[in-house]
């Protein structure tokens, strides 16, 4: 790998590898319509992303006063059903994504996706975009099951990043792993896992990118390789 500092790199999906907010927003609005609630402006749906689809819908519903749990759960199921059928209508890889993935692969770097999107939705989306074959593993928000608290072992917990590192060969002596993400969930998970993290400033950052605490910040995926080389 000619001295490249990492043997494996993990990526968040929404807002890091792929621009997904329009399809996610459409799914949220589908559920809101069914619940008799006001729709969210499409551009504003970017601000709801982070933590997974359920949290995204919860933010939209709570902004309008909330719903009883059974009603919310019913809308959430409708949202998931709609998204499963319409998850690649407007979604695409970010500029520079394919080039960055190709260059990492050329250098022998193993690649992973770690997302809070359920694994089945993440793999279906990557399949539809023709990206699945590029990754050693895809870890979704439900891939590791639930912890003792009854919640999925997903970001901001470090568990999925640790698991991605393991699947990419962390058991090999000296395996070096870095993570790329766009939110406080990603930075917290990487920090907890003890791996460096690059912040995607072009994504759906829930705080100003330079305040997220990453080791580097990039304005596009065209800058990823130089950022990793500098770590």
C-alpha atoms as a PDB file:
ATOM      1  CA  UNK A   1       0.000   0.000   0.000  1.00  0.00           C
ATOM      2  CA  UNK A   2       3.082   2.276  -0.339  1.00  0.00           C
ATOM      3  CA  UNK A   3       2.894   3.508   3.215  1.00  0.00           C
ATOM      4  CA  UNK A   4      -0.817   4.371   3.229  1.00  0.00           C
ATOM      5  CA  UNK A   5      -1.659   4.752   6.932  1.00  0.00           C
ATOM      6  CA  UNK A   6      -4.814   2.586   7.034  1.00  0.00           C
ATOM      7  CA  UNK A   7      -5.617  -1.002   6.160  1.00  0.00           C
ATOM      8  CA  UNK A   8      -9.390  -0.488   6.407  1.00  0.00           C
ATOM      9  CA  UNK A   9     -11.835   2.429   6.337  1.00  0.00           C
ATOM     10  CA  UNK A  10     -15.439   2.516   7.510  1.00  0.00           C
ATOM     11  CA  UNK A  11     -18.082   4.880   6.172  1.00  0.00           C
ATOM     12  CA  UNK A  12     -21.370   6.178   7.458  1.00  0.00           C
ATOM     13  CA  UNK A  13     -24.013   5.998   4.718  1.00  0.00           C
ATOM     14  CA  UNK A  14     -26.566   8.847   4.872  1.00  0.00           C
ATOM     15  CA  UNK A  15     -24.830  12.178   4.425  1.00  0.00           C
ATOM     16  CA  UNK A  16     -21.381  10.621   4.015  1.00  0.00           C
ATOM     17  CA  UNK A  17     -21.376   8.212   1.073  1.00  0.00           C
ATOM     18  CA  UNK A  18     -24.823   8.979  -0.302  1.00  0.00           C
ATOM     19  CA  UNK A  19     -27.124  11.978  -0.498  1.00  0.00           C
ATOM     20  CA  UNK A  20     -30.331  10.363   0.746  1.00  0.00           C
ATOM     21  CA  UNK A  21     -32.348  13.118   2.368  1.00  0.00           C
ATOM     22  CA  UNK A  22     -34.928  13.547  -0.412  1.00  0.00           C
ATOM     23  CA  UNK A  23     -36.017   9.902  -0.293  1.00  0.00           C
ATOM     24  CA  UNK A  24     -35.928   9.846   3.505  1.00  0.00           C
ATOM     25  CA  UNK A  25     -37.942  13.059   3.583  1.00  0.00           C
ATOM     26  CA  UNK A  26     -40.512  11.585   1.188  1.00  0.00           C
ATOM     27  CA  UNK A  27     -40.903   8.582   3.498  1.00  0.00           C
ATOM     28  CA  UNK A  28     -41.362  10.825   6.527  1.00  0.00           C
ATOM     29  CA  UNK A  29     -43.945  12.908   4.691  1.00  0.00           C
ATOM     30  CA  UNK A  30     -45.797   9.778   3.600  1.00  0.00           C
ATOM     31  CA  UNK A  31     -46.144   8.792   7.262  1.00  0.00           C
ATOM     32  CA  UNK A  32     -47.101  12.315   8.327  1.00  0.00           C
ATOM     33  CA  UNK A  33     -49.854  12.456   5.706  1.00  0.00           C
ATOM     34  CA  UNK A  34     -51.269   9.150   6.914  1.00  0.00           C
ATOM     35  CA  UNK A  35     -51.286  10.535  10.445  1.00  0.00           C
ATOM     36  CA  UNK A  36     -53.083  13.714   9.445  1.00  0.00           C
ATOM     37  CA  UNK A  37     -50.011  15.829  10.237  1.00  0.00           C
ATOM     38  CA  UNK A  38     -48.382  18.603   8.259  1.00  0.00           C
ATOM     39  CA  UNK A  39     -45.617  17.581   5.877  1.00  0.00           C
ATOM     40  CA  UNK A  40     -42.027  18.708   6.327  1.00  0.00           C
ATOM     41  CA  UNK A  41     -40.502  20.856   3.555  1.00  0.00           C
ATOM     42  CA  UNK A  42     -38.167  18.575   1.608  1.00  0.00           C
ATOM     43  CA  UNK A  43     -35.058  20.678   2.210  1.00  0.00           C
ATOM     44  CA  UNK A  44     -35.832  20.778   5.937  1.00  0.00           C
ATOM     45  CA  UNK A  45     -35.785  16.986   6.110  1.00  0.00           C
ATOM     46  CA  UNK A  46     -31.972  17.181   6.127  1.00  0.00           C
ATOM     47  CA  UNK A  47     -32.209  18.563   9.662  1.00  0.00           C
ATOM     48  CA  UNK A  48     -34.151  15.518  10.876  1.00  0.00           C
ATOM     49  CA  UNK A  49     -31.499  12.976   9.885  1.00  0.00           C
ATOM     50  CA  UNK A  50     -29.301  11.380  12.521  1.00  0.00           C
ATOM     51  CA  UNK A  51     -29.815   8.330  14.692  1.00  0.00           C
ATOM     52  CA  UNK A  52     -31.935   6.296  12.299  1.00  0.00           C
ATOM     53  CA  UNK A  53     -35.354   6.431  10.654  1.00  0.00           C
ATOM     54  CA  UNK A  54     -37.358   6.115  13.867  1.00  0.00           C
ATOM     55  CA  UNK A  55     -35.635   9.098  15.442  1.00  0.00           C
ATOM     56  CA  UNK A  56     -36.082  11.036  12.220  1.00  0.00           C
ATOM     57  CA  UNK A  57     -39.835  10.456  12.220  1.00  0.00           C
ATOM     58  CA  UNK A  58     -40.042  11.121  15.957  1.00  0.00           C
ATOM     59  CA  UNK A  59     -38.461  14.552  15.495  1.00  0.00           C
ATOM     60  CA  UNK A  60     -41.005  15.456  12.830  1.00  0.00           C
ATOM     61  CA  UNK A  61     -43.934  14.204  14.914  1.00  0.00           C
ATOM     62  CA  UNK A  62     -42.778  15.777  18.172  1.00  0.00           C
ATOM     63  CA  UNK A  63     -42.437  19.142  16.421  1.00  0.00           C
ATOM     64  CA  UNK A  64     -46.222  18.959  15.922  1.00  0.00           C
ATOM     65  CA  UNK A  65     -47.101  17.944  19.461  1.00  0.00           C
ATOM     66  CA  UNK A  66     -46.394  14.218  19.329  1.00  0.00           C
ATOM     67  CA  UNK A  67     -48.645  11.162  19.104  1.00  0.00           C
ATOM     68  CA  UNK A  68     -49.595   8.297  21.424  1.00  0.00           C
ATOM     69  CA  UNK A  69     -47.077   5.477  21.103  1.00  0.00           C
ATOM     70  CA  UNK A  70     -49.391   3.018  19.275  1.00  0.00           C
ATOM     71  CA  UNK A  71     -50.246   5.641  16.647  1.00  0.00           C
ATOM     72  CA  UNK A  72     -46.617   6.596  16.223  1.00  0.00           C
ATOM     73  CA  UNK A  73     -45.547   2.957  15.860  1.00  0.00           C
ATOM     74  CA  UNK A  74     -48.171   2.428  13.161  1.00  0.00           C
ATOM     75  CA  UNK A  75     -46.891   5.437  11.211  1.00  0.00           C
ATOM     76  CA  UNK A  76     -43.311   4.266  11.637  1.00  0.00           C
ATOM     77  CA  UNK A  77     -44.176   0.912  10.048  1.00  0.00           C
ATOM     78  CA  UNK A  78     -45.825   2.723   7.148  1.00  0.00           C
ATOM     79  CA  UNK A  79     -42.755   4.910   6.764  1.00  0.00           C
ATOM     80  CA  UNK A  80     -40.470   1.872   6.575  1.00  0.00           C
ATOM     81  CA  UNK A  81     -42.730   0.148   4.066  1.00  0.00           C
ATOM     82  CA  UNK A  82     -42.761   3.230   1.833  1.00  0.00           C
ATOM     83  CA  UNK A  83     -38.997   3.731   2.104  1.00  0.00           C
ATOM     84  CA  UNK A  84     -38.276   0.102   1.240  1.00  0.00           C
ATOM     85  CA  UNK A  85     -40.060   0.630  -2.073  1.00  0.00           C
ATOM     86  CA  UNK A  86     -38.746   4.136  -2.799  1.00  0.00           C
ATOM     87  CA  UNK A  87     -35.256   4.387  -1.335  1.00  0.00           C
ATOM     88  CA  UNK A  88     -33.347   5.144  -4.529  1.00  0.00           C
ATOM     89  CA  UNK A  89     -35.666   7.524  -6.389  1.00  0.00           C
ATOM     90  CA  UNK A  90     -33.561  10.628  -5.733  1.00  0.00           C
ATOM     91  CA  UNK A  91     -30.616   9.118  -3.851  1.00  0.00           C
ATOM     92  CA  UNK A  92     -27.130   9.034  -5.347  1.00  0.00           C
ATOM     93  CA  UNK A  93     -23.523   8.708  -4.277  1.00  0.00           C
ATOM     94  CA  UNK A  94     -21.862  12.016  -3.478  1.00  0.00           C
ATOM     95  CA  UNK A  95     -19.433  13.551  -5.968  1.00  0.00           C
ATOM     96  CA  UNK A  96     -16.043  11.968  -5.499  1.00  0.00           C
ATOM     97  CA  UNK A  97     -17.409   8.866  -3.753  1.00  0.00           C
ATOM     98  CA  UNK A  98     -16.672   6.386  -6.524  1.00  0.00           C
ATOM     99  CA  UNK A  99     -13.239   7.838  -7.143  1.00  0.00           C
ATOM    100  CA  UNK A 100     -12.361   7.672  -3.444  1.00  0.00           C
ATOM    101  CA  UNK A 101     -13.596   4.094  -3.125  1.00  0.00           C
ATOM    102  CA  UNK A 102     -11.702   3.082  -6.261  1.00  0.00           C
ATOM    103  CA  UNK A 103      -8.486   4.658  -5.021  1.00  0.00           C
ATOM    104  CA  UNK A 104      -8.775   3.037  -1.594  1.00  0.00           C
ATOM    105  CA  UNK A 105      -9.402  -0.330  -3.222  1.00  0.00           C
ATOM    106  CA  UNK A 106      -6.413   0.196  -5.520  1.00  0.00           C
ATOM    107  CA  UNK A 107      -4.304   0.657  -2.408  1.00  0.00           C
ATOM    108  CA  UNK A 108      -5.619  -2.579  -0.935  1.00  0.00           C
ATOM    109  CA  UNK A 109      -7.763  -0.907   1.719  1.00  0.00           C
ATOM    110  CA  UNK A 110     -10.744  -2.921   2.942  1.00  0.00           C
ATOM    111  CA  UNK A 111     -14.009  -0.959   3.125  1.00  0.00           C
ATOM    112  CA  UNK A 112     -17.044  -1.123   5.410  1.00  0.00           C
ATOM    113  CA  UNK A 113     -20.342   0.687   5.860  1.00  0.00           C
ATOM    114  CA  UNK A 114     -21.567   1.428   9.381  1.00  0.00           C
ATOM    115  CA  UNK A 115     -24.981   3.082   9.447  1.00  0.00           C
ATOM    116  CA  UNK A 116     -27.935   3.441  11.783  1.00  0.00           C
ATOM    117  CA  UNK A 117     -30.194   2.570   8.868  1.00  0.00           C
ATOM    118  CA  UNK A 118     -31.463  -1.008   9.315  1.00  0.00           C
ATOM    119  CA  UNK A 119     -29.120  -3.448   7.595  1.00  0.00           C
ATOM    120  CA  UNK A 120     -31.728  -4.671   5.087  1.00  0.00           C
ATOM    121  CA  UNK A 121     -32.443  -1.088   3.980  1.00  0.00           C
ATOM    122  CA  UNK A 122     -28.748  -0.245   3.742  1.00  0.00           C
ATOM    123  CA  UNK A 123     -27.875  -3.313   1.672  1.00  0.00           C
ATOM    124  CA  UNK A 124     -30.907  -2.810  -0.583  1.00  0.00           C
ATOM    125  CA  UNK A 125     -29.903   0.783  -1.244  1.00  0.00           C
ATOM    126  CA  UNK A 126     -26.268  -0.128  -1.934  1.00  0.00           C
ATOM    127  CA  UNK A 127     -27.463  -2.902  -4.247  1.00  0.00           C
ATOM    128  CA  UNK A 128     -29.645  -0.495  -6.215  1.00  0.00           C
ATOM    129  CA  UNK A 129     -26.771   1.974  -6.532  1.00  0.00           C
ATOM    130  CA  UNK A 130     -24.372  -0.773  -7.617  1.00  0.00           C
ATOM    131  CA  UNK A 131     -22.068  -0.225  -4.634  1.00  0.00           C
ATOM    132  CA  UNK A 132     -22.460  -3.380  -2.530  1.00  0.00           C
ATOM    133  CA  UNK A 133     -19.547  -5.270  -4.037  1.00  0.00           C
ATOM    134  CA  UNK A 134     -17.133  -2.602  -2.839  1.00  0.00           C
ATOM    135  CA  UNK A 135     -17.575  -3.366   0.853  1.00  0.00           C
ATOM    136  CA  UNK A 136     -16.302  -6.187   3.033  1.00  0.00           C
ATOM    137  CA  UNK A 137     -19.268  -5.698   5.345  1.00  0.00           C
ATOM    138  CA  UNK A 138     -22.361  -3.570   5.916  1.00  0.00           C
ATOM    139  CA  UNK A 139     -23.399  -3.056   9.532  1.00  0.00           C
ATOM    140  CA  UNK A 140     -26.805  -1.506  10.120  1.00  0.00           C
ATOM    141  CA  UNK A 141     -28.468  -0.110  13.186  1.00  0.00           C
ATOM    142  CA  UNK A 142     -30.058  -3.473  13.955  1.00  0.00           C
ATOM    143  CA  UNK A 143     -27.149  -5.735  12.942  1.00  0.00           C
ATOM    144  CA  UNK A 144     -25.792  -6.243  16.460  1.00  0.00           C
ATOM    145  CA  UNK A 145     -29.170  -6.703  18.142  1.00  0.00           C
ATOM    146  CA  UNK A 146     -30.226  -4.952  21.330  1.00  0.00           C
ATOM    147  CA  UNK A 147     -28.354  -4.352  24.542  1.00  0.00           C
ATOM    148  CA  UNK A 148     -29.486  -4.856  28.115  1.00  0.00           C
ATOM    149  CA  UNK A 149     -31.355  -1.540  27.934  1.00  0.00           C
ATOM    150  CA  UNK A 150     -33.533  -2.859  25.103  1.00  0.00           C
ATOM    151  CA  UNK A 151     -32.045  -0.420  22.574  1.00  0.00           C
ATOM    152  CA  UNK A 152     -30.185  -1.356  19.424  1.00  0.00           C
ATOM    153  CA  UNK A 153     -26.410  -1.415  19.743  1.00  0.00           C
ATOM    154  CA  UNK A 154     -25.974   1.336  17.174  1.00  0.00           C
ATOM    155  CA  UNK A 155     -24.076   4.611  16.926  1.00  0.00           C
ATOM    156  CA  UNK A 156     -23.264   6.625  19.029  1.00  0.00           C
ATOM    157  CA  UNK A 157     -22.242   3.429  20.815  1.00  0.00           C
ATOM    158  CA  UNK A 158     -18.838   2.243  19.597  1.00  0.00           C
ATOM    159  CA  UNK A 159     -20.038  -1.356  19.125  1.00  0.00           C
ATOM    160  CA  UNK A 160     -20.752  -1.227  15.358  1.00  0.00           C
ATOM    161  CA  UNK A 161     -17.454   0.514  14.586  1.00  0.00           C
ATOM    162  CA  UNK A 162     -15.575  -2.053  16.682  1.00  0.00           C
ATOM    163  CA  UNK A 163     -17.402  -4.835  14.836  1.00  0.00           C
ATOM    164  CA  UNK A 164     -16.632  -3.282  11.442  1.00  0.00           C
ATOM    165  CA  UNK A 165     -12.975  -3.067  12.366  1.00  0.00           C
ATOM    166  CA  UNK A 166     -13.018  -6.727  13.384  1.00  0.00           C
ATOM    167  CA  UNK A 167     -14.686  -7.817  10.132  1.00  0.00           C
ATOM    168  CA  UNK A 168     -12.093  -5.836   8.183  1.00  0.00           C
ATOM    169  CA  UNK A 169      -9.252  -7.729   9.817  1.00  0.00           C
ATOM    170  CA  UNK A 170      -8.586  -6.006  13.129  1.00  0.00           C
ATOM    171  CA  UNK A 171      -7.504  -9.323  14.572  1.00  0.00           C
ATOM    172  CA  UNK A 172      -4.529  -9.175  12.248  1.00  0.00           C
ATOM    173  CA  UNK A 173      -1.468  -7.661  13.948  1.00  0.00           C
ATOM    174  CA  UNK A 174      -1.264  -3.919  13.400  1.00  0.00           C
ATOM    175  CA  UNK A 175      -4.487  -3.510  11.399  1.00  0.00           C
ATOM    176  CA  UNK A 176      -5.190   0.217  11.162  1.00  0.00           C
ATOM    177  CA  UNK A 177      -8.772   1.459  10.802  1.00  0.00           C
ATOM    178  CA  UNK A 178     -10.315   4.907  10.265  1.00  0.00           C
ATOM    179  CA  UNK A 179     -13.927   6.044  10.117  1.00  0.00           C
ATOM    180  CA  UNK A 180     -15.685   8.691   8.021  1.00  0.00           C
ATOM    181  CA  UNK A 181     -18.992  10.268   9.080  1.00  0.00           C
ATOM    182  CA  UNK A 182     -20.987  13.460   9.220  1.00  0.00           C
ATOM    183  CA  UNK A 183     -22.540  13.633  12.690  1.00  0.00           C
ATOM    184  CA  UNK A 184     -21.931  13.602  16.413  1.00  0.00           C
ATOM    185  CA  UNK A 185     -23.161   9.989  16.381  1.00  0.00           C
ATOM    186  CA  UNK A 186     -20.291   9.047  14.072  1.00  0.00           C
ATOM    187  CA  UNK A 187     -17.633  10.934  15.995  1.00  0.00           C
ATOM    188  CA  UNK A 188     -18.772   9.517  19.335  1.00  0.00           C
ATOM    189  CA  UNK A 189     -18.804   5.965  17.974  1.00  0.00           C
ATOM    190  CA  UNK A 190     -15.327   6.328  16.473  1.00  0.00           C
ATOM    191  CA  UNK A 191     -13.944   7.912  19.620  1.00  0.00           C
ATOM    192  CA  UNK A 192     -15.431   5.126  21.734  1.00  0.00           C
ATOM    193  CA  UNK A 193     -13.861   2.564  19.427  1.00  0.00           C
ATOM    194  CA  UNK A 194     -10.505   4.291  19.633  1.00  0.00           C
ATOM    195  CA  UNK A 195     -10.169   4.980  15.903  1.00  0.00           C
ATOM    196  CA  UNK A 196      -9.523   8.260  14.060  1.00  0.00           C
ATOM    197  CA  UNK A 197     -12.495   9.914  12.398  1.00  0.00           C
ATOM    198  CA  UNK A 198     -12.845  12.202   9.376  1.00  0.00           C
ATOM    199  CA  UNK A 199     -15.860  14.542   9.390  1.00  0.00           C
ATOM    200  CA  UNK A 200     -17.799  15.014   6.138  1.00  0.00           C
ATOM    201  CA  UNK A 201     -18.650  18.721   6.228  1.00  0.00           C
ATOM    202  CA  UNK A 202     -20.833  18.400   3.103  1.00  0.00           C
ATOM    203  CA  UNK A 203     -23.219  16.010   4.881  1.00  0.00           C
ATOM    204  CA  UNK A 204     -26.077  16.348   7.353  1.00  0.00           C
ATOM    205  CA  UNK A 205     -23.972  17.592  10.258  1.00  0.00           C
ATOM    206  CA  UNK A 206     -25.958  18.083  13.465  1.00  0.00           C
ATOM    207  CA  UNK A 207     -23.379  20.620  14.654  1.00  0.00           C
ATOM    208  CA  UNK A 208     -20.914  22.821  12.783  1.00  0.00           C
ATOM    209  CA  UNK A 209     -18.436  20.375  11.211  1.00  0.00           C
ATOM    210  CA  UNK A 210     -15.347  21.825  12.880  1.00  0.00           C
ATOM    211  CA  UNK A 211     -17.059  21.558  16.273  1.00  0.00           C
ATOM    212  CA  UNK A 212     -17.788  17.828  16.001  1.00  0.00           C
ATOM    213  CA  UNK A 213     -14.345  16.870  17.258  1.00  0.00           C
ATOM    214  CA  UNK A 214     -13.027  14.912  14.297  1.00  0.00           C
ATOM    215  CA  UNK A 215      -9.371  14.409  13.473  1.00  0.00           C
ATOM    216  CA  UNK A 216      -9.904  15.980  10.048  1.00  0.00           C
ATOM    217  CA  UNK A 217     -12.705  17.725   8.149  1.00  0.00           C
ATOM    218  CA  UNK A 218     -13.314  17.389   4.408  1.00  0.00           C
ATOM    219  CA  UNK A 219     -15.528  19.507   2.158  1.00  0.00           C
ATOM    220  CA  UNK A 220     -15.998  16.704  -0.380  1.00  0.00           C
ATOM    221  CA  UNK A 221     -14.945  13.108  -0.866  1.00  0.00           C
ATOM    222  CA  UNK A 222     -12.344  14.340  -3.338  1.00  0.00           C
ATOM    223  CA  UNK A 223     -10.387  15.364  -0.241  1.00  0.00           C
ATOM    224  CA  UNK A 224     -10.656  12.042   1.607  1.00  0.00           C
ATOM    225  CA  UNK A 225      -7.413  10.374   0.488  1.00  0.00           C
ATOM    226  CA  UNK A 226      -5.212  13.392   1.337  1.00  0.00           C
ATOM    227  CA  UNK A 227      -7.007  13.749   4.695  1.00  0.00           C
ATOM    228  CA  UNK A 228      -6.355  10.100   5.569  1.00  0.00           C
ATOM    229  CA  UNK A 229      -2.742  10.357   4.452  1.00  0.00           C
ATOM    230  CA  UNK A 230      -2.270  13.329   6.783  1.00  0.00           C
ATOM    231  CA  UNK A 231      -3.587  11.559   9.891  1.00  0.00           C
END
